Amino acid sequence: MDEQNEQTAKDSERVRMSQINMALGAFVCFFASVVLVSIFFTETLVGKMTNLGAGLILVAIGIIMILRSKKAENTSNIKNLC
């Protein structure tokens, strides 16, 4: 019985962490969109390329965080069903 409670606690912790990572990933994607929009307001080519590179890197990080959190949440839900 204690093992089941311990496993349930671990699963709930995993779900909470995945929700936190999803929110953080969404924030990083939003911040990346702000950086990408700032390309149009930058005057120099170097500034535009810097903003483009930074924006794309942030978008990639945000999407990876969201996808990994969804995967972790789904595996926890599957374990709860068994």
Protein backbone atom coordinates (compact mmCIF):
# COMPACT_ATOMS: atom_id res chain seq x y z
CA MET A 1 0.00 0.00 0.00
CA ASP A 2 2.85 2.39 0.82
CA GLU A 3 4.50 1.67 -2.51
CA GLN A 4 1.31 2.61 -4.32
CA ASN A 5 1.06 5.88 -2.37
CA GLU A 6 4.71 6.61 -3.10
CA GLN A 7 4.18 5.94 -6.82
CA THR A 8 1.09 8.15 -6.82
CA ALA A 9 3.07 10.94 -5.16
CA LYS A 10 5.83 10.61 -7.77
CA ASP A 11 3.28 10.70 -10.58
CA SER A 12 1.56 13.78 -9.19
CA GLU A 13 4.95 15.47 -8.81
CA ARG A 14 5.77 14.59 -12.43
CA VAL A 15 2.45 16.06 -13.61
CA ARG A 16 3.06 19.27 -11.63
CA MET A 17 6.55 19.61 -13.09
CA SER A 18 5.23 19.04 -16.60
CA GLN A 19 2.61 21.76 -16.08
CA ILE A 20 5.29 24.15 -14.86
CA ASN A 21 7.49 23.33 -17.84
CA MET A 22 4.57 23.84 -20.21
CA ALA A 23 3.89 27.29 -18.77
CA LEU A 24 7.57 28.17 -18.93
CA GLY A 25 7.77 26.93 -22.53
CA ALA A 26 4.76 29.06 -23.47
CA PHE A 27 6.39 32.09 -21.87
CA VAL A 28 9.64 31.48 -23.76
CA CYS A 29 7.68 31.19 -27.03
CA PHE A 30 5.86 34.45 -26.26
CA PHE A 31 9.16 36.17 -25.49
CA ALA A 32 10.58 34.78 -28.75
CA SER A 33 7.68 36.28 -30.66
CA VAL A 34 8.47 39.68 -29.13
CA VAL A 35 12.11 39.32 -30.21
CA LEU A 36 11.05 38.27 -33.72
CA VAL A 37 8.68 41.25 -34.04
CA SER A 38 11.52 43.53 -32.97
CA ILE A 39 13.30 42.63 -36.23
CA PHE A 40 11.06 45.12 -38.04
CA PHE A 41 12.07 47.93 -35.69
CA THR A 42 15.82 47.36 -35.86
CA GLU A 43 17.72 49.53 -38.32
CA THR A 44 20.97 47.65 -38.90
CA LEU A 45 21.42 44.35 -40.69
CA VAL A 46 23.54 43.01 -37.83
CA GLY A 47 20.77 43.84 -35.36
CA LYS A 48 18.16 42.16 -37.54
CA MET A 49 20.24 39.01 -37.90
CA THR A 50 20.95 38.95 -34.15
CA ASN A 51 17.25 39.26 -33.34
CA LEU A 52 16.39 36.59 -35.89
CA GLY A 53 18.95 34.15 -34.46
CA ALA A 54 17.93 34.80 -30.87
CA GLY A 55 14.23 34.55 -31.71
CA LEU A 56 14.62 31.25 -33.53
CA ILE A 57 16.68 29.76 -30.72
CA LEU A 58 14.09 30.83 -28.16
CA VAL A 59 11.24 29.42 -30.26
CA ALA A 60 13.07 26.09 -30.53
CA ILE A 61 13.67 25.97 -26.77
CA GLY A 62 10.05 26.85 -26.01
CA ILE A 63 8.64 24.24 -28.40
CA ILE A 64 10.95 21.55 -27.04
CA MET A 65 9.88 22.37 -23.47
CA ILE A 66 6.21 22.19 -24.40
CA LEU A 67 6.59 18.90 -26.28
CA ARG A 68 8.61 17.27 -23.49
CA SER A 69 6.10 18.38 -20.87
CA LYS A 70 3.21 16.95 -22.90
CA LYS A 71 5.10 13.68 -23.29
CA ALA A 72 5.82 13.49 -19.55
CA GLU A 73 2.21 14.30 -18.72
CA ASN A 74 0.91 11.63 -21.11
CA THR A 75 3.19 8.93 -19.70
CA SER A 76 2.02 9.79 -16.18
CA ASN A 77 -1.61 9.56 -17.29
CA ILE A 78 -0.99 6.19 -18.93
CA LYS A 79 0.62 4.85 -15.75
CA ASN A 80 -2.37 6.03 -13.72
CA LEU A 81 -4.73 4.11 -15.99
CA CYS A 82 -2.92 0.80 -15.46
